[in-house]
């Protein structure tokens, strides 16, 4: 497994074709100017040892060295080995609501970004637990299966957006069902689901799924995102400018409210607790205390143990090419000339090679 520590620098590689075209253009211009200065026969007298091909090759070597240096600076990281890791913890799925109602800005910057930020804070608190991510709206998908790799969890979390689920709506039941089906009940580990949502469940049998979770020993903790007062759902254009608010089929502005009653009921049925996201973020400490008190079991998983920098894979060849360029003189090669003479190539054709 490989990745780059600074992948944004790879955009500089788009300059390589431009530099290569520039080197070729300068080389052609130089040949043209020399041809004006002296004819082909006279050039063999004025600058008999100059090799146009070597001049071009030197430029190309510099360009390719530049490309390799860019790859080195981007710092390639290679996963060294896969190993089995054993830790004591619980299995935890974090489900994040990405429905349109999560666009509401009654909690800044909006409900979804707040949910993502709270999830990130919760991940930072966890130790030794296996975590997974689920995104849901009208449907539910596993964004990341259970893993010990918290770095991967943060990376996957950053990719979550309103486009993560194409089917609109809010179906908490599907998120719970998917989490239950994604747990491995053959392993004797405590299992929990943390759901970040505004609770506006307009579809699905959340009560039945909450009872299913309780029957399987899975605790559910719901975190309400938003205000119970109600707020409109903003609509932005591609330039990020507010152009209005979502309306229903009758032209009325849709007001979205935090449904605390539903979320509290889900948590109560599944032996969990309900918390409301506050600016103080105190609910994260309370959730973490709840999760910490769950019985810890030994969990094993196979993962990449670490990444190590491998910038020298590209830096060493870059230096070699630069060394070759430095040691390559713009003089015709005697050995190549002797070889071309031996195979019977005339002087006019030889000039194309040397």
Protein backbone atom coordinates (compact mmCIF):
# COMPACT_ATOMS: atom_id res chain seq x y z
CA UNK A 1 0.00 0.00 0.00
CA UNK A 2 1.40 3.38 -0.97
CA UNK A 3 0.42 7.03 -0.75
CA UNK A 4 2.02 10.48 -0.90
CA UNK A 5 2.38 12.66 2.18
CA UNK A 6 1.95 15.85 0.10
CA UNK A 7 -0.14 14.79 -2.93
CA UNK A 8 -0.92 18.40 -3.87
CA UNK A 9 2.68 18.76 -5.11
CA UNK A 10 1.99 16.14 -7.78
CA UNK A 11 0.12 18.85 -9.69
CA UNK A 12 3.56 20.22 -10.62
CA UNK A 13 4.02 17.16 -12.85
CA UNK A 14 1.67 18.83 -15.34
CA UNK A 15 4.58 21.22 -16.04
CA UNK A 16 6.74 18.38 -17.39
CA UNK A 17 5.19 18.32 -20.91
CA UNK A 18 5.50 22.12 -21.04
CA UNK A 19 9.19 22.03 -20.09
CA UNK A 20 9.81 19.17 -22.53
CA UNK A 21 8.19 21.14 -25.35
CA UNK A 22 10.28 24.18 -24.37
CA UNK A 23 13.53 22.17 -24.47
CA UNK A 24 12.69 20.81 -27.94
CA UNK A 25 11.67 24.27 -29.18
CA UNK A 26 14.93 25.85 -27.93
CA UNK A 27 16.93 23.01 -29.48
CA UNK A 28 15.24 23.48 -32.86
CA UNK A 29 15.74 27.25 -32.68
CA UNK A 30 19.42 26.78 -31.89
CA UNK A 31 19.87 24.44 -34.88
CA UNK A 32 18.05 26.92 -37.11
CA UNK A 33 20.24 29.81 -36.01
CA UNK A 34 23.40 27.78 -36.52
CA UNK A 35 22.21 26.82 -39.99
CA UNK A 36 21.80 30.51 -40.83
CA UNK A 37 25.27 31.25 -39.49
CA UNK A 38 27.02 28.47 -41.42
CA UNK A 39 26.07 25.95 -44.05
CA UNK A 40 26.31 22.23 -43.30
CA UNK A 41 29.75 21.94 -44.91
CA UNK A 42 31.00 25.10 -43.19
CA UNK A 43 29.60 24.03 -39.83
CA UNK A 44 31.86 20.96 -39.89
CA UNK A 45 34.77 23.40 -40.01
CA UNK A 46 33.51 26.11 -37.59
CA UNK A 47 32.20 23.77 -34.86
CA UNK A 48 33.22 20.26 -35.96
CA UNK A 49 32.82 18.63 -32.52
CA UNK A 50 29.37 19.98 -31.56
CA UNK A 51 26.62 17.34 -31.34
CA UNK A 52 23.06 18.60 -31.69
CA UNK A 53 21.63 15.28 -30.45
CA UNK A 54 23.64 15.43 -27.22
CA UNK A 55 22.44 18.98 -26.68
CA UNK A 56 18.83 17.75 -26.89
CA UNK A 57 19.51 14.74 -24.66
CA UNK A 58 21.01 16.98 -21.94
CA UNK A 59 17.85 19.10 -21.87
CA UNK A 60 15.61 16.04 -21.69
CA UNK A 61 17.64 14.60 -18.81
CA UNK A 62 17.15 17.82 -16.83
CA UNK A 63 13.39 17.76 -17.42
CA UNK A 64 13.02 14.15 -16.27
CA UNK A 65 15.21 14.89 -13.23
CA UNK A 66 12.82 17.70 -12.35
CA UNK A 67 9.88 15.27 -12.52
CA UNK A 68 11.63 12.76 -10.24
CA UNK A 69 12.49 15.51 -7.75
CA UNK A 70 8.80 16.52 -7.60
CA UNK A 71 7.85 12.92 -6.78
CA UNK A 72 10.54 12.83 -4.08
CA UNK A 73 9.38 16.10 -2.48
CA UNK A 74 5.77 14.79 -2.45
CA UNK A 75 7.27 12.09 -0.15
CA UNK A 76 5.96 8.65 -1.13
CA UNK A 77 4.96 6.54 1.86
CA UNK A 78 4.99 2.76 1.63
CA UNK A 79 3.21 0.40 4.04
CA UNK A 80 5.84 -1.92 5.40
CA UNK A 81 3.96 -4.98 6.50
CA UNK A 82 0.64 -6.43 7.54
CA UNK A 83 0.43 -7.64 11.09
CA UNK A 84 -2.19 -8.92 13.50
CA UNK A 85 -2.91 -6.45 16.27
CA UNK A 86 -4.66 -7.45 19.50
CA UNK A 87 -6.23 -4.79 21.69
CA UNK A 88 -8.95 -4.55 24.30
CA UNK A 89 -11.92 -2.49 23.23
CA UNK A 90 -15.40 -2.46 21.73
CA UNK A 91 -16.82 -2.48 18.21
CA UNK A 92 -18.35 0.88 17.36
CA UNK A 93 -20.15 2.10 14.25
CA UNK A 94 -20.65 5.85 13.87
CA UNK A 95 -23.60 6.67 11.58
CA UNK A 96 -23.81 10.17 10.10
CA UNK A 97 -26.97 11.66 8.57
CA UNK A 98 -26.24 13.30 5.17
CA UNK A 99 -29.81 14.13 4.21
CA UNK A 100 -30.82 17.59 2.95
CA UNK A 101 -32.14 18.65 6.36
CA UNK A 102 -28.53 18.45 7.60
CA UNK A 103 -27.81 21.53 5.42
CA UNK A 104 -29.62 23.67 8.01
CA UNK A 105 -27.40 26.23 9.70
CA UNK A 106 -29.04 26.48 13.11
CA UNK A 107 -25.75 25.13 14.43
CA UNK A 108 -22.67 26.52 12.67
CA UNK A 109 -21.38 26.02 10.05
CA UNK A 110 -24.22 23.55 9.37
CA UNK A 111 -25.58 20.35 10.85
CA UNK A 112 -23.49 17.97 8.73
CA UNK A 113 -20.18 19.75 9.36
CA UNK A 114 -21.01 19.86 13.06
CA UNK A 115 -21.66 16.11 13.01
CA UNK A 116 -18.35 15.50 11.23
CA UNK A 117 -16.45 17.71 13.68
CA UNK A 118 -18.04 15.94 16.66
CA UNK A 119 -17.19 12.56 15.11
CA UNK A 120 -13.58 13.65 14.68
CA UNK A 121 -13.43 14.75 18.32
CA UNK A 122 -14.89 11.41 19.42
CA UNK A 123 -12.35 9.46 17.34
CA UNK A 124 -9.55 11.39 19.04
CA UNK A 125 -10.82 10.24 22.43
CA UNK A 126 -11.12 6.55 21.54
CA UNK A 127 -8.34 4.12 22.43
CA UNK A 128 -8.15 0.47 21.44
CA UNK A 129 -11.67 0.36 20.01
CA UNK A 130 -12.52 -0.84 16.51
CA UNK A 131 -14.53 1.78 14.64
CA UNK A 132 -16.48 1.99 11.39
CA UNK A 133 -18.38 4.73 9.55
CA UNK A 134 -21.85 4.61 8.03
CA UNK A 135 -23.52 7.37 6.00
CA UNK A 136 -27.28 7.45 5.55
CA UNK A 137 -30.14 9.47 4.11
CA UNK A 138 -32.94 7.62 2.27
CA UNK A 139 -30.51 4.68 2.12
CA UNK A 140 -27.43 3.67 4.10
CA UNK A 141 -23.89 2.68 3.09
CA UNK A 142 -20.76 1.57 4.93
CA UNK A 143 -18.26 4.37 4.37
CA UNK A 144 -15.55 2.45 6.23
CA UNK A 145 -15.72 -1.06 7.78
CA UNK A 146 -14.57 -1.72 11.33
CA UNK A 147 -10.87 -0.99 11.77
CA UNK A 148 -8.24 0.08 14.27
CA UNK A 149 -6.84 2.54 11.75
CA UNK A 150 -7.97 5.88 13.16
CA UNK A 151 -5.97 7.75 10.51
CA UNK A 152 -8.02 6.04 7.81
CA UNK A 153 -11.19 6.90 9.75
CA UNK A 154 -10.27 10.58 9.72
CA UNK A 155 -9.50 10.39 6.00
CA UNK A 156 -12.83 8.73 5.17
CA UNK A 157 -14.63 11.19 7.44
CA UNK A 158 -13.29 14.10 5.39
CA UNK A 159 -14.80 12.63 2.22
CA UNK A 160 -18.35 12.53 3.62
CA UNK A 161 -20.69 15.03 1.94
CA UNK A 162 -24.32 15.48 0.95
CA UNK A 163 -23.45 13.54 -2.22
CA UNK A 164 -22.37 10.46 -0.27
CA UNK A 165 -25.91 9.04 -0.57
CA UNK A 166 -27.92 9.73 -3.72
CA UNK A 167 -31.28 8.62 -2.28
CA UNK A 168 -32.78 11.49 -0.32
CA UNK A 169 -34.86 11.17 2.83
CA UNK A 170 -33.92 10.25 6.38
CA UNK A 171 -34.05 6.56 7.18
CA UNK A 172 -32.49 5.96 10.58
CA UNK A 173 -33.81 2.39 10.52
CA UNK A 174 -31.63 1.51 7.53
CA UNK A 175 -28.54 2.89 9.26
CA UNK A 176 -29.23 0.77 12.36
CA UNK A 177 -29.97 -2.32 10.26
CA UNK A 178 -26.77 -1.92 8.24
CA UNK A 179 -24.67 -1.48 11.37
CA UNK A 180 -26.17 -4.61 12.95
CA UNK A 181 -25.51 -6.63 9.78
CA UNK A 182 -21.93 -5.31 9.63
CA UNK A 183 -21.01 -6.46 13.14
CA UNK A 184 -19.42 -9.87 13.61
CA UNK A 185 -21.52 -11.46 16.34
CA UNK A 186 -19.25 -14.51 16.47
CA UNK A 187 -16.78 -12.28 18.29
CA UNK A 188 -17.63 -11.73 21.93
CA UNK A 189 -17.21 -7.95 21.91
CA UNK A 190 -19.41 -5.17 23.23
CA UNK A 191 -21.09 -3.44 20.30
CA UNK A 192 -22.50 0.06 20.03
CA UNK A 193 -23.85 2.49 17.45
CA UNK A 194 -23.49 6.27 17.72
CA UNK A 195 -25.90 8.14 15.43
CA UNK A 196 -25.43 11.81 14.51
CA UNK A 197 -28.71 13.11 13.07
CA UNK A 198 -31.43 15.73 13.40
CA UNK A 199 -33.89 12.89 13.90
CA UNK A 200 -36.35 13.89 11.18
CA UNK A 201 -37.14 10.29 10.30
CA UNK A 202 -39.91 10.42 7.75
CA UNK A 203 -39.62 6.79 6.76
CA UNK A 204 -38.45 3.41 8.02
CA UNK A 205 -39.31 1.33 11.07
CA UNK A 206 -36.83 2.79 13.54
CA UNK A 207 -38.65 1.37 16.56
CA UNK A 208 -38.48 -2.19 15.24
CA UNK A 209 -34.77 -1.80 14.40
CA UNK A 210 -34.06 -0.34 17.85
CA UNK A 211 -35.67 -3.43 19.38
CA UNK A 212 -33.60 -5.63 17.04
CA UNK A 213 -30.44 -3.90 18.27
CA UNK A 214 -31.43 -4.46 21.88
CA UNK A 215 -32.09 -8.13 21.17
CA UNK A 216 -28.61 -8.50 19.67
CA UNK A 217 -26.97 -6.69 22.60
CA UNK A 218 -26.12 -3.56 20.56
CA UNK A 219 -26.46 -0.26 22.41
CA UNK A 220 -27.50 2.85 20.47
CA UNK A 221 -26.46 6.39 21.42
CA UNK A 222 -28.14 9.20 19.49
CA UNK A 223 -26.70 12.70 19.25
CA UNK A 224 -29.23 15.31 18.16
CA UNK A 225 -27.85 17.93 15.76
CA UNK A 226 -29.80 21.17 15.36
CA UNK A 227 -32.53 23.17 17.04
CA UNK A 228 -36.02 21.94 18.01
CA UNK A 229 -37.40 25.40 17.16
CA UNK A 230 -37.06 24.90 13.40
CA UNK A 231 -35.01 26.54 10.70
CA UNK A 232 -35.10 26.76 6.87
CA UNK A 233 -32.78 24.72 4.62
CA UNK A 234 -30.51 27.06 2.63
CA UNK A 235 -29.76 26.60 -1.08
CA UNK A 236 -26.43 27.75 -2.50
CA UNK A 237 -25.28 28.08 -6.10
CA UNK A 238 -21.98 26.73 -7.46
CA UNK A 239 -20.24 29.94 -6.39
CA UNK A 240 -21.29 29.41 -2.77
CA UNK A 241 -23.83 32.23 -2.80
CA UNK A 242 -27.13 31.87 -0.95
CA UNK A 243 -29.93 31.91 -3.54
CA UNK A 244 -32.89 30.92 -1.40
CA UNK A 245 -34.39 28.26 0.84
CA UNK A 246 -35.89 24.86 0.14
CA UNK A 247 -39.65 24.94 -0.51
CA UNK A 248 -42.35 22.30 -0.64
CA UNK A 249 -44.62 21.58 -3.60
CA UNK A 250 -46.94 24.40 -2.46
CA UNK A 251 -44.17 26.99 -2.49
CA UNK A 252 -43.85 27.18 1.30
CA UNK A 253 -40.41 27.33 2.89
CA UNK A 254 -39.59 23.98 4.50
CA UNK A 255 -38.73 24.24 8.20
CA UNK A 256 -36.59 21.46 9.65
CA UNK A 257 -36.64 20.71 13.38
CA UNK A 258 -34.56 18.54 15.66
CA UNK A 259 -36.78 15.59 16.66
CA UNK A 260 -35.44 14.88 20.14
CA UNK A 261 -38.41 12.71 21.11
CA UNK A 262 -37.69 10.13 18.39
CA UNK A 263 -33.95 10.04 19.12
CA UNK A 264 -34.52 9.69 22.85
CA UNK A 265 -36.96 6.83 22.22
CA UNK A 266 -34.49 4.98 19.96
CA UNK A 267 -31.74 5.29 22.56
CA UNK A 268 -34.04 4.22 25.38
CA UNK A 269 -35.22 1.10 23.54
CA UNK A 270 -31.64 0.05 22.73
CA UNK A 271 -30.34 0.60 26.29
CA UNK A 272 -28.33 3.64 25.20
CA UNK A 273 -28.69 7.34 25.90
CA UNK A 274 -29.67 10.45 23.99
CA UNK A 275 -27.49 13.56 23.92
CA UNK A 276 -27.96 16.90 22.23
CA UNK A 277 -24.99 18.52 20.51
CA UNK A 278 -24.12 21.73 22.33
CA UNK A 279 -21.54 24.41 21.59
CA UNK A 280 -19.65 23.39 24.72
CA UNK A 281 -19.23 19.86 23.33
CA UNK A 282 -19.90 18.43 26.79
CA UNK A 283 -21.95 15.68 25.20
CA UNK A 284 -18.76 14.15 23.76
CA UNK A 285 -17.33 13.64 27.24
CA UNK A 286 -20.60 12.05 28.34
CA UNK A 287 -20.73 9.75 25.29
CA UNK A 288 -17.10 8.76 25.76
CA UNK A 289 -17.73 7.95 29.42
CA UNK A 290 -20.64 5.72 28.37
CA UNK A 291 -18.55 3.90 25.76
CA UNK A 292 -15.60 3.61 28.14
CA UNK A 293 -17.79 1.84 30.68
CA UNK A 294 -18.81 -0.86 28.22
CA UNK A 295 -17.09 -4.20 28.76
CA UNK A 296 -13.82 -4.37 26.84
CA UNK A 297 -12.90 -7.55 25.00
CA UNK A 298 -9.75 -8.64 23.22
CA UNK A 299 -10.07 -7.73 19.55
CA UNK A 300 -7.69 -8.82 16.82
CA UNK A 301 -7.35 -7.31 13.39
CA UNK A 302 -4.93 -7.35 10.50
CA UNK A 303 -3.64 -3.95 9.54
CA UNK A 304 -0.69 -2.15 7.99
CA UNK A 305 1.56 -1.49 10.92
CA UNK A 306 3.16 1.71 9.65
CA UNK A 307 4.17 3.79 6.67
CA UNK A 308 7.76 4.73 5.97
CA UNK A 309 9.07 7.47 3.75
CA UNK A 310 10.58 6.35 0.45
CA UNK A 311 11.47 9.70 -1.15
CA UNK A 312 14.91 8.38 -2.09
CA UNK A 313 13.28 5.95 -4.55
CA UNK A 314 12.87 9.00 -6.80
CA UNK A 315 15.60 11.30 -5.50
CA UNK A 316 18.43 8.85 -6.22
CA UNK A 317 17.48 8.38 -9.93
CA UNK A 318 17.09 12.17 -10.22
CA UNK A 319 20.66 12.70 -9.02
CA UNK A 320 21.90 9.96 -11.35
CA UNK A 321 20.25 11.65 -14.34
CA UNK A 322 21.71 15.01 -13.32
CA UNK A 323 25.14 13.40 -12.98
CA UNK A 324 24.80 11.86 -16.45
CA UNK A 325 23.75 15.28 -17.80
CA UNK A 326 26.79 16.94 -16.18
CA UNK A 327 29.19 14.33 -17.58
CA UNK A 328 27.64 14.49 -21.04
CA UNK A 329 29.50 17.02 -23.17
CA UNK A 330 28.06 18.55 -26.31
CA UNK A 331 30.80 16.90 -28.36
CA UNK A 332 30.43 14.25 -30.97
CA UNK A 333 31.14 10.78 -29.65
CA UNK A 334 34.27 9.26 -31.19
CA UNK A 335 33.11 5.73 -30.40
CA UNK A 336 29.69 6.32 -31.95
CA UNK A 337 31.37 7.86 -35.01
CA UNK A 338 33.63 4.83 -35.42
CA UNK A 339 30.61 2.51 -35.08
CA UNK A 340 28.63 4.44 -37.70
CA UNK A 341 31.63 4.40 -40.04
CA UNK A 342 31.93 0.66 -39.56
CA UNK A 343 28.33 0.02 -40.56
CA UNK A 344 28.83 2.17 -43.67
CA UNK A 345 26.75 5.24 -42.80
CA UNK A 346 27.80 8.35 -44.75
CA UNK A 347 28.70 11.65 -43.05
CA UNK A 348 25.39 13.33 -43.90
CA UNK A 349 23.38 10.56 -42.21
CA UNK A 350 25.84 10.38 -39.31
CA UNK A 351 25.07 14.00 -38.45
CA UNK A 352 21.56 12.91 -37.48
CA UNK A 353 22.98 10.69 -34.74
CA UNK A 354 26.06 12.55 -33.49
